[in-house]
Amino acid sequence: PGGGWDTTGRALGKAMIDAKVADNVTYENKGGAAGA
């Protein structure tokens, strides 16, 4: 949590709900090895 990918993912999730293409978005953070 707290980085650019985290910010991007959560902003996109909110936008998907606002666009009514999603009722809900769940998030899972799994850091390490440049995303590998």
Full PDB file with SEQRES, HELIX, SHEET, SSBOND, CRYST1, ORIGX, SCALE, CONECT and MASTER records, all heavy atoms in Angstrom:
SEQRES   1 A   36  PRO GLY GLY GLY TRP ASP THR THR GLY ARG ALA LEU GLY          
SEQRES   2 A   36  LYS ALA MET ILE ASP ALA LYS VAL ALA ASP ASN VAL THR          
SEQRES   3 A   36  TYR GLU ASN LYS GLY GLY ALA ALA GLY ALA                      
HELIX    1 AA1 GLY A    4  ASP A   18  1                                  15    
HELIX    2 AA2 ALA A   33  GLY A   35  5                                   3    
CRYST1    1.000    1.000    1.000  90.00  90.00  90.00 P 1           1          
ORIGX1      1.000000  0.000000  0.000000        0.00000                         
ORIGX2      0.000000  1.000000  0.000000        0.00000                         
ORIGX3      0.000000  0.000000  1.000000        0.00000                         
SCALE1      1.000000  0.000000  0.000000        0.00000                         
SCALE2      0.000000  1.000000  0.000000        0.00000                         
SCALE3      0.000000  0.000000  1.000000        0.00000                         
ATOM      1  N   PRO A   1       0.815  -1.218   0.000  1.00  0.00           N  
ATOM      2  CA  PRO A   1       0.000   0.000   0.000  1.00  0.00           C  
ATOM      3  C   PRO A   1       0.850   1.270   0.000  1.00  0.00           C  
ATOM      4  O   PRO A   1       1.972   1.282   0.504  1.00  0.00           O  
ATOM      5  CB  PRO A   1      -0.796  -0.119   1.310  1.00  0.00           C  
ATOM      6  CG  PRO A   1      -0.847  -1.584   1.588  1.00  0.00           C  
ATOM      7  CD  PRO A   1       0.479  -2.121   1.111  1.00  0.00           C  
ATOM      8  N   GLY A   2       0.293   2.317  -0.596  1.00  0.00           N  
ATOM      9  CA  GLY A   2       0.915   3.638  -0.515  1.00  0.00           C  
ATOM     10  C   GLY A   2       1.679   4.090  -1.734  1.00  0.00           C  
ATOM     11  O   GLY A   2       2.129   5.228  -1.793  1.00  0.00           O  
ATOM     12  N   GLY A   3       1.832   3.235  -2.734  1.00  0.00           N  
ATOM     13  CA  GLY A   3       2.599   3.612  -3.912  1.00  0.00           C  
ATOM     14  C   GLY A   3       1.741   3.927  -5.113  1.00  0.00           C  
ATOM     15  O   GLY A   3       0.510   4.018  -5.023  1.00  0.00           O  
ATOM     16  N   GLY A   4       2.406   4.100  -6.257  1.00  0.00           N  
ATOM     17  CA  GLY A   4       1.708   4.493  -7.480  1.00  0.00           C  
ATOM     18  C   GLY A   4       0.736   3.454  -7.992  1.00  0.00           C  
ATOM     19  O   GLY A   4      -0.355   3.783  -8.456  1.00  0.00           O  
ATOM     20  N   TRP A   5       1.127   2.165  -7.927  1.00  0.00           N  
ATOM     21  CA  TRP A   5       0.212   1.120  -8.381  1.00  0.00           C  
ATOM     22  C   TRP A   5      -1.013   1.039  -7.480  1.00  0.00           C  
ATOM     23  O   TRP A   5      -2.126   0.829  -7.941  1.00  0.00           O  
ATOM     24  CB  TRP A   5       0.932  -0.233  -8.414  1.00  0.00           C  
ATOM     25  CG  TRP A   5       1.794  -0.409  -9.622  1.00  0.00           C  
ATOM     26  CD1 TRP A   5       1.830   0.383 -10.735  1.00  0.00           C  
ATOM     27  CD2 TRP A   5       2.750  -1.453  -9.847  1.00  0.00           C  
ATOM     28  NE1 TRP A   5       2.750  -0.096 -11.638  1.00  0.00           N  
ATOM     29  CE2 TRP A   5       3.322  -1.222 -11.117  1.00  0.00           C  
ATOM     30  CE3 TRP A   5       3.177  -2.541  -9.106  1.00  0.00           C  
ATOM     31  CZ2 TRP A   5       4.303  -2.057 -11.659  1.00  0.00           C  
ATOM     32  CZ3 TRP A   5       4.161  -3.377  -9.629  1.00  0.00           C  
ATOM     33  CH2 TRP A   5       4.717  -3.134 -10.900  1.00  0.00           C  
ATOM     34  N   ASP A   6      -0.783   1.200  -6.186  1.00  0.00           N  
ATOM     35  CA  ASP A   6      -1.884   1.154  -5.225  1.00  0.00           C  
ATOM     36  C   ASP A   6      -2.861   2.297  -5.494  1.00  0.00           C  
ATOM     37  O   ASP A   6      -4.084   2.100  -5.558  1.00  0.00           O  
ATOM     38  CB  ASP A   6      -1.327   1.251  -3.807  1.00  0.00           C  
ATOM     39  CG  ASP A   6      -2.381   1.004  -2.739  1.00  0.00           C  
ATOM     40  OD1 ASP A   6      -2.999  -0.073  -2.746  1.00  0.00           O  
ATOM     41  OD2 ASP A   6      -2.584   1.889  -1.896  1.00  0.00           O  
ATOM     42  N   THR A   7      -2.334   3.491  -5.673  1.00  0.00           N  
ATOM     43  CA  THR A   7      -3.166   4.662  -5.951  1.00  0.00           C  
ATOM     44  C   THR A   7      -3.934   4.480  -7.253  1.00  0.00           C  
ATOM     45  O   THR A   7      -5.134   4.779  -7.340  1.00  0.00           O  
ATOM     46  CB  THR A   7      -2.301   5.934  -6.033  1.00  0.00           C  
ATOM     47  OG1 THR A   7      -1.530   6.060  -4.834  1.00  0.00           O  
ATOM     48  CG2 THR A   7      -3.155   7.173  -6.202  1.00  0.00           C  
ATOM     49  N   THR A   8      -3.258   3.973  -8.273  1.00  0.00           N  
ATOM     50  CA  THR A   8      -3.895   3.759  -9.577  1.00  0.00           C  
ATOM     51  C   THR A   8      -5.021   2.730  -9.486  1.00  0.00           C  
ATOM     52  O   THR A   8      -6.127   2.952  -9.990  1.00  0.00           O  
ATOM     53  CB  THR A   8      -2.851   3.303 -10.618  1.00  0.00           C  
ATOM     54  OG1 THR A   8      -1.820   4.293 -10.727  1.00  0.00           O  
ATOM     55  CG2 THR A   8      -3.489   3.094 -11.981  1.00  0.00           C  
ATOM     56  N   GLY A   9      -4.738   1.603  -8.849  1.00  0.00           N  
ATOM     57  CA  GLY A   9      -5.726   0.537  -8.752  1.00  0.00           C  
ATOM     58  C   GLY A   9      -6.976   0.971  -8.003  1.00  0.00           C  
ATOM     59  O   GLY A   9      -8.106   0.679  -8.430  1.00  0.00           O  
ATOM     60  N   ARG A  10      -6.799   1.676  -6.913  1.00  0.00           N  
ATOM     61  CA  ARG A  10      -7.949   2.097  -6.111  1.00  0.00           C  
ATOM     62  C   ARG A  10      -8.730   3.226  -6.793  1.00  0.00           C  
ATOM     63  O   ARG A  10      -9.961   3.280  -6.702  1.00  0.00           O  
ATOM     64  CB  ARG A  10      -7.493   2.489  -4.700  1.00  0.00           C  
ATOM     65  CG  ARG A  10      -6.997   1.280  -3.925  1.00  0.00           C  
ATOM     66  CD  ARG A  10      -6.410   1.601  -2.569  1.00  0.00           C  
ATOM     67  NE  ARG A  10      -5.727   0.429  -2.031  1.00  0.00           N  
ATOM     68  CZ  ARG A  10      -6.327  -0.573  -1.360  1.00  0.00           C  
ATOM     69  NH1 ARG A  10      -7.624  -0.486  -1.130  1.00  0.00           N  
ATOM     70  NH2 ARG A  10      -5.646  -1.602  -0.918  1.00  0.00           N  
ATOM     71  N   ALA A  11      -8.023   4.100  -7.506  1.00  0.00           N  
ATOM     72  CA  ALA A  11      -8.721   5.145  -8.266  1.00  0.00           C  
ATOM     73  C   ALA A  11      -9.525   4.528  -9.406  1.00  0.00           C  
ATOM     74  O   ALA A  11     -10.661   4.950  -9.683  1.00  0.00           O  
ATOM     75  CB  ALA A  11      -7.709   6.159  -8.814  1.00  0.00           C  
ATOM     76  N   LEU A  12      -8.959   3.517 -10.059  1.00  0.00           N  
ATOM     77  CA  LEU A  12      -9.674   2.851 -11.146  1.00  0.00           C  
ATOM     78  C   LEU A  12     -10.892   2.100 -10.605  1.00  0.00           C  
ATOM     79  O   LEU A  12     -11.969   2.137 -11.210  1.00  0.00           O  
ATOM     80  CB  LEU A  12      -8.744   1.885 -11.881  1.00  0.00           C  
ATOM     81  CG  LEU A  12      -9.384   1.101 -13.041  1.00  0.00           C  
ATOM     82  CD1 LEU A  12      -9.904   2.057 -14.115  1.00  0.00           C  
ATOM     83  CD2 LEU A  12      -8.391   0.106 -13.636  1.00  0.00           C  
ATOM     84  N   GLY A  13     -10.726   1.443  -9.470  1.00  0.00           N  
ATOM     85  CA  GLY A  13     -11.848   0.727  -8.870  1.00  0.00           C  
ATOM     86  C   GLY A  13     -13.006   1.651  -8.542  1.00  0.00           C  
ATOM     87  O   GLY A  13     -14.171   1.333  -8.827  1.00  0.00           O  
ATOM     88  N   LYS A  14     -12.695   2.802  -7.968  1.00  0.00           N  
ATOM     89  CA  LYS A  14     -13.737   3.788  -7.651  1.00  0.00           C  
ATOM     90  C   LYS A  14     -14.419   4.267  -8.922  1.00  0.00           C  
ATOM     91  O   LYS A  14     -15.650   4.419  -8.981  1.00  0.00           O  
ATOM     92  CB  LYS A  14     -13.145   4.979  -6.891  1.00  0.00           C  
ATOM     93  CG  LYS A  14     -14.178   6.018  -6.465  1.00  0.00           C  
ATOM     94  CD  LYS A  14     -13.529   7.159  -5.698  1.00  0.00           C  
ATOM     95  CE  LYS A  14     -14.589   8.126  -5.163  1.00  0.00           C  
ATOM     96  NZ  LYS A  14     -15.491   8.653  -6.196  1.00  0.00           N  
ATOM     97  N   ALA A  15     -13.617   4.507  -9.971  1.00  0.00           N  
ATOM     98  CA  ALA A  15     -14.173   4.982 -11.234  1.00  0.00           C  
ATOM     99  C   ALA A  15     -15.071   3.925 -11.875  1.00  0.00           C  
ATOM    100  O   ALA A  15     -16.080   4.253 -12.505  1.00  0.00           O  
ATOM    101  CB  ALA A  15     -13.041   5.366 -12.192  1.00  0.00           C  
ATOM    102  N   MET A  16     -14.735   2.652 -11.720  1.00  0.00           N  
ATOM    103  CA  MET A  16     -15.567   1.585 -12.271  1.00  0.00           C  
ATOM    104  C   MET A  16     -16.932   1.533 -11.582  1.00  0.00           C  
ATOM    105  O   MET A  16     -17.960   1.313 -12.226  1.00  0.00           O  
ATOM    106  CB  MET A  16     -14.842   0.241 -12.151  1.00  0.00           C  
ATOM    107  CG  MET A  16     -13.614   0.143 -13.040  1.00  0.00           C  
ATOM    108  SD  MET A  16     -12.694  -1.413 -12.858  1.00  0.00           S  
ATOM    109  CE  MET A  16     -13.778  -2.519 -13.764  1.00  0.00           C  
ATOM    110  N   ILE A  17     -16.918   1.772 -10.280  1.00  0.00           N  
ATOM    111  CA  ILE A  17     -18.192   1.828  -9.547  1.00  0.00           C  
ATOM    112  C   ILE A  17     -18.993   3.048  -9.989  1.00  0.00           C  
ATOM    113  O   ILE A  17     -20.199   2.967 -10.238  1.00  0.00           O  
ATOM    114  CB  ILE A  17     -17.934   1.850  -8.033  1.00  0.00           C  
ATOM    115  CG1 ILE A  17     -17.340   0.497  -7.582  1.00  0.00           C  
ATOM    116  CG2 ILE A  17     -19.228   2.135  -7.265  1.00  0.00           C  
ATOM    117  CD1 ILE A  17     -16.857   0.474  -6.150  1.00  0.00           C  
ATOM    118  N   ASP A  18     -18.317   4.184 -10.128  1.00  0.00           N  
ATOM    119  CA  ASP A  18     -18.990   5.412 -10.568  1.00  0.00           C  
ATOM    120  C   ASP A  18     -19.551   5.269 -11.976  1.00  0.00           C  
ATOM    121  O   ASP A  18     -20.592   5.850 -12.298  1.00  0.00           O  
ATOM    122  CB  ASP A  18     -18.024   6.603 -10.517  1.00  0.00           C  
ATOM    123  CG  ASP A  18     -17.666   7.003  -9.095  1.00  0.00           C  
ATOM    124  OD1 ASP A  18     -18.314   6.489  -8.156  1.00  0.00           O  
ATOM    125  OD2 ASP A  18     -16.737   7.814  -8.913  1.00  0.00           O  
ATOM    126  N   ALA A  19     -18.868   4.485 -12.820  1.00  0.00           N  
ATOM    127  CA  ALA A  19     -19.327   4.272 -14.196  1.00  0.00           C  
ATOM    128  C   ALA A  19     -20.416   3.207 -14.273  1.00  0.00           C  
ATOM    129  O   ALA A  19     -20.940   2.931 -15.358  1.00  0.00           O  
ATOM    130  CB  ALA A  19     -18.148   3.870 -15.084  1.00  0.00           C  
ATOM    131  N   LYS A  20     -20.715   2.614 -13.099  1.00  0.00           N  
ATOM    132  CA  LYS A  20     -21.762   1.583 -12.999  1.00  0.00           C  
ATOM    133  C   LYS A  20     -21.434   0.314 -13.802  1.00  0.00           C  
ATOM    134  O   LYS A  20     -22.327  -0.389 -14.252  1.00  0.00           O  
ATOM    135  CB  LYS A  20     -23.127   2.147 -13.403  1.00  0.00           C  
ATOM    136  CG  LYS A  20     -23.626   3.238 -12.464  1.00  0.00           C  
ATOM    137  CD  LYS A  20     -24.992   3.749 -12.845  1.00  0.00           C  
ATOM    138  CE  LYS A  20     -25.601   4.657 -11.789  1.00  0.00           C  
ATOM    139  NZ  LYS A  20     -24.705   5.682 -11.249  1.00  0.00           N  
ATOM    140  N   VAL A  21     -20.144   0.059 -13.982  1.00  0.00           N  
ATOM    141  CA  VAL A  21     -19.742  -1.210 -14.586  1.00  0.00           C  
ATOM    142  C   VAL A  21     -19.346  -2.200 -13.496  1.00  0.00           C  
ATOM    143  O   VAL A  21     -19.026  -3.356 -13.785  1.00  0.00           O  
ATOM    144  CB  VAL A  21     -18.578  -1.019 -15.592  1.00  0.00           C  
ATOM    145  CG1 VAL A  21     -19.019  -0.168 -16.765  1.00  0.00           C  
ATOM    146  CG2 VAL A  21     -17.346  -0.422 -14.921  1.00  0.00           C  
ATOM    147  N   ALA A  22     -19.346  -1.737 -12.245  1.00  0.00           N  
ATOM    148  CA  ALA A  22     -19.050  -2.601 -11.107  1.00  0.00           C  
ATOM    149  C   ALA A  22     -19.932  -2.202  -9.934  1.00  0.00           C  
ATOM    150  O   ALA A  22     -20.156  -1.014  -9.700  1.00  0.00           O  
ATOM    151  CB  ALA A  22     -17.585  -2.494 -10.707  1.00  0.00           C  
ATOM    152  N   ASP A  23     -20.447  -3.204  -9.227  1.00  0.00           N  
ATOM    153  CA  ASP A  23     -21.155  -2.952  -7.979  1.00  0.00           C  
ATOM    154  C   ASP A  23     -20.175  -2.771  -6.834  1.00  0.00           C  
ATOM    155  O   ASP A  23     -20.396  -2.011  -5.904  1.00  0.00           O  
ATOM    156  CB  ASP A  23     -22.091  -4.122  -7.644  1.00  0.00           C  
ATOM    157  CG  ASP A  23     -23.410  -4.045  -8.398  1.00  0.00           C  
ATOM    158  OD1 ASP A  23     -23.790  -2.929  -8.783  1.00  0.00           O  
ATOM    159  OD2 ASP A  23     -24.028  -5.097  -8.614  1.00  0.00           O  
ATOM    160  N   ASN A  24     -19.067  -3.496  -6.933  1.00  0.00           N  
ATOM    161  CA  ASN A  24     -18.088  -3.500  -5.858  1.00  0.00           C  
ATOM    162  C   ASN A  24     -16.732  -3.909  -6.431  1.00  0.00           C  
ATOM    163  O   ASN A  24     -16.670  -4.625  -7.422  1.00  0.00           O  
ATOM    164  CB  ASN A  24     -18.510  -4.492  -4.764  1.00  0.00           C  
ATOM    165  CG  ASN A  24     -17.585  -4.451  -3.562  1.00  0.00           C  
ATOM    166  OD1 ASN A  24     -17.184  -3.376  -3.118  1.00  0.00           O  
ATOM    167  ND2 ASN A  24     -17.232  -5.610  -3.034  1.00  0.00           N  
ATOM    168  N   VAL A  25     -15.665  -3.432  -5.803  1.00  0.00           N  
ATOM    169  CA  VAL A  25     -14.313  -3.824  -6.196  1.00  0.00           C  
ATOM    170  C   VAL A  25     -13.552  -4.220  -4.937  1.00  0.00           C  
ATOM    171  O   VAL A  25     -13.515  -3.461  -3.967  1.00  0.00           O  
ATOM    172  CB  VAL A  25     -13.570  -2.684  -6.924  1.00  0.00           C  
ATOM    173  CG1 VAL A  25     -12.156  -3.128  -7.293  1.00  0.00           C  
ATOM    174  CG2 VAL A  25     -14.318  -2.233  -8.171  1.00  0.00           C  
ATOM    175  N   THR A  26     -12.960  -5.399  -4.950  1.00  0.00           N  
ATOM    176  CA  THR A  26     -12.109  -5.822  -3.840  1.00  0.00           C  
ATOM    177  C   THR A  26     -10.655  -5.672  -4.262  1.00  0.00           C  
ATOM    178  O   THR A  26     -10.319  -5.801  -5.438  1.00  0.00           O  
ATOM    179  CB  THR A  26     -12.387  -7.288  -3.442  1.00  0.00           C  
ATOM    180  OG1 THR A  26     -12.082  -8.142  -4.555  1.00  0.00           O  
ATOM    181  CG2 THR A  26     -13.843  -7.475  -3.055  1.00  0.00           C  
ATOM    182  N   TYR A  27      -9.787  -5.401  -3.294  1.00  0.00           N  
ATOM    183  CA  TYR A  27      -8.381  -5.130  -3.600  1.00  0.00           C  
ATOM    184  C   TYR A  27      -7.489  -6.085  -2.816  1.00  0.00           C  
ATOM    185  O   TYR A  27      -7.756  -6.411  -1.663  1.00  0.00           O  
ATOM    186  CB  TYR A  27      -8.012  -3.695  -3.217  1.00  0.00           C  
ATOM    187  CG  TYR A  27      -8.903  -2.650  -3.854  1.00  0.00           C  
ATOM    188  CD1 TYR A  27     -10.029  -2.175  -3.186  1.00  0.00           C  
ATOM    189  CD2 TYR A  27      -8.623  -2.151  -5.119  1.00  0.00           C  
ATOM    190  CE1 TYR A  27     -10.861  -1.226  -3.766  1.00  0.00           C  
ATOM    191  CE2 TYR A  27      -9.449  -1.204  -5.701  1.00  0.00           C  
ATOM    192  CZ  TYR A  27     -10.561  -0.745  -5.022  1.00  0.00           C  
ATOM    193  OH  TYR A  27     -11.376   0.186  -5.605  1.00  0.00           O  
ATOM    194  N   GLU A  28      -6.412  -6.508  -3.463  1.00  0.00           N  
ATOM    195  CA  GLU A  28      -5.415  -7.324  -2.786  1.00  0.00           C  
ATOM    196  C   GLU A  28      -4.035  -6.800  -3.124  1.00  0.00           C  
ATOM    197  O   GLU A  28      -3.677  -6.696  -4.293  1.00  0.00           O  
ATOM    198  CB  GLU A  28      -5.528  -8.795  -3.190  1.00  0.00           C  
ATOM    199  CG  GLU A  28      -4.532  -9.669  -2.457  1.00  0.00           C  
ATOM    200  CD  GLU A  28      -4.748 -11.149  -2.653  1.00  0.00           C  
ATOM    201  OE1 GLU A  28      -5.636 -11.513  -3.462  1.00  0.00           O  
ATOM    202  OE2 GLU A  28      -4.038 -11.944  -2.014  1.00  0.00           O  
ATOM    203  N   ASN A  29      -3.272  -6.441  -2.085  1.00  0.00           N  
ATOM    204  CA  ASN A  29      -1.897  -5.984  -2.268  1.00  0.00           C  
ATOM    205  C   ASN A  29      -0.938  -7.152  -2.059  1.00  0.00           C  
ATOM    206  O   ASN A  29      -1.033  -7.873  -1.067  1.00  0.00           O  
ATOM    207  CB  ASN A  29      -1.550  -4.878  -1.274  1.00  0.00           C  
ATOM    208  CG  ASN A  29      -2.252  -3.578  -1.572  1.00  0.00           C  
ATOM    209  OD1 ASN A  29      -3.402  -3.380  -1.161  1.00  0.00           O  
ATOM    210  ND2 ASN A  29      -1.584  -2.679  -2.259  1.00  0.00           N  
ATOM    211  N   LYS A  30      -0.031  -7.325  -3.012  1.00  0.00           N  
ATOM    212  CA  LYS A  30       0.992  -8.366  -2.909  1.00  0.00           C  
ATOM    213  C   LYS A  30       2.289  -7.806  -3.466  1.00  0.00           C  
ATOM    214  O   LYS A  30       2.554  -7.845  -4.669  1.00  0.00           O  
ATOM    215  CB  LYS A  30       0.562  -9.612  -3.696  1.00  0.00           C  
ATOM    216  CG  LYS A  30       1.548 -10.783  -3.632  1.00  0.00           C  
ATOM    217  CD  LYS A  30       1.605 -11.402  -2.251  1.00  0.00           C  
ATOM    218  CE  LYS A  30       2.491 -12.632  -2.234  1.00  0.00           C  
ATOM    219  NZ  LYS A  30       2.566 -13.222  -0.868  1.00  0.00           N  
ATOM    220  N   GLY A  31       3.102  -7.204  -2.578  1.00  0.00           N  
ATOM    221  CA  GLY A  31       4.306  -6.523  -3.029  1.00  0.00           C  
ATOM    222  C   GLY A  31       5.508  -7.432  -3.148  1.00  0.00           C  
ATOM    223  O   GLY A  31       5.529  -8.552  -2.625  1.00  0.00           O  
ATOM    224  N   GLY A  32       6.523  -6.940  -3.841  1.00  0.00           N  
ATOM    225  CA  GLY A  32       7.794  -7.637  -3.939  1.00  0.00           C  
ATOM    226  C   GLY A  32       8.214  -7.961  -5.354  1.00  0.00           C  
ATOM    227  O   GLY A  32       7.382  -8.220  -6.219  1.00  0.00           O  
ATOM    228  N   ALA A  33       9.526  -7.901  -5.579  1.00  0.00           N  
ATOM    229  CA  ALA A  33      10.154  -8.308  -6.848  1.00  0.00           C  
ATOM    230  C   ALA A  33       9.586  -7.552  -8.044  1.00  0.00           C  
ATOM    231  O   ALA A  33       9.310  -8.127  -9.091  1.00  0.00           O  
ATOM    232  CB  ALA A  33      10.013  -9.815  -7.056  1.00  0.00           C  
ATOM    233  N   ALA A  34       9.422  -6.237  -7.879  1.00  0.00           N  
ATOM    234  CA  ALA A  34       8.928  -5.365  -8.962  1.00  0.00           C  
ATOM    235  C   ALA A  34       7.576  -5.826  -9.508  1.00  0.00           C  
ATOM    236  O   ALA A  34       7.286  -5.675 -10.685  1.00  0.00           O  
ATOM    237  CB  ALA A  34       9.954  -5.274 -10.095  1.00  0.00           C  
ATOM    238  N   GLY A  35       6.774  -6.410  -8.631  1.00  0.00           N  
ATOM    239  CA  GLY A  35       5.439  -6.855  -9.036  1.00  0.00           C  
ATOM    240  C   GLY A  35       5.379  -8.319  -9.427  1.00  0.00           C  
ATOM    241  O   GLY A  35       4.291  -8.852  -9.678  1.00  0.00           O  
ATOM    242  N   ALA A  36       6.520  -8.999  -9.473  1.00  0.00           N  
ATOM    243  CA  ALA A  36       6.544 -10.391  -9.933  1.00  0.00           C  
ATOM    244  C   ALA A  36       5.802 -11.326  -8.984  1.00  0.00           C  
ATOM    245  O   ALA A  36       5.186 -12.307  -9.424  1.00  0.00           O  
ATOM    246  CB  ALA A  36       7.973 -10.875 -10.129  1.00  0.00           C  
TER     247      ALA A  36                                                      
MASTER        0    0    0    2    0    0    0    6  246    1    0    3          
END                                                                             
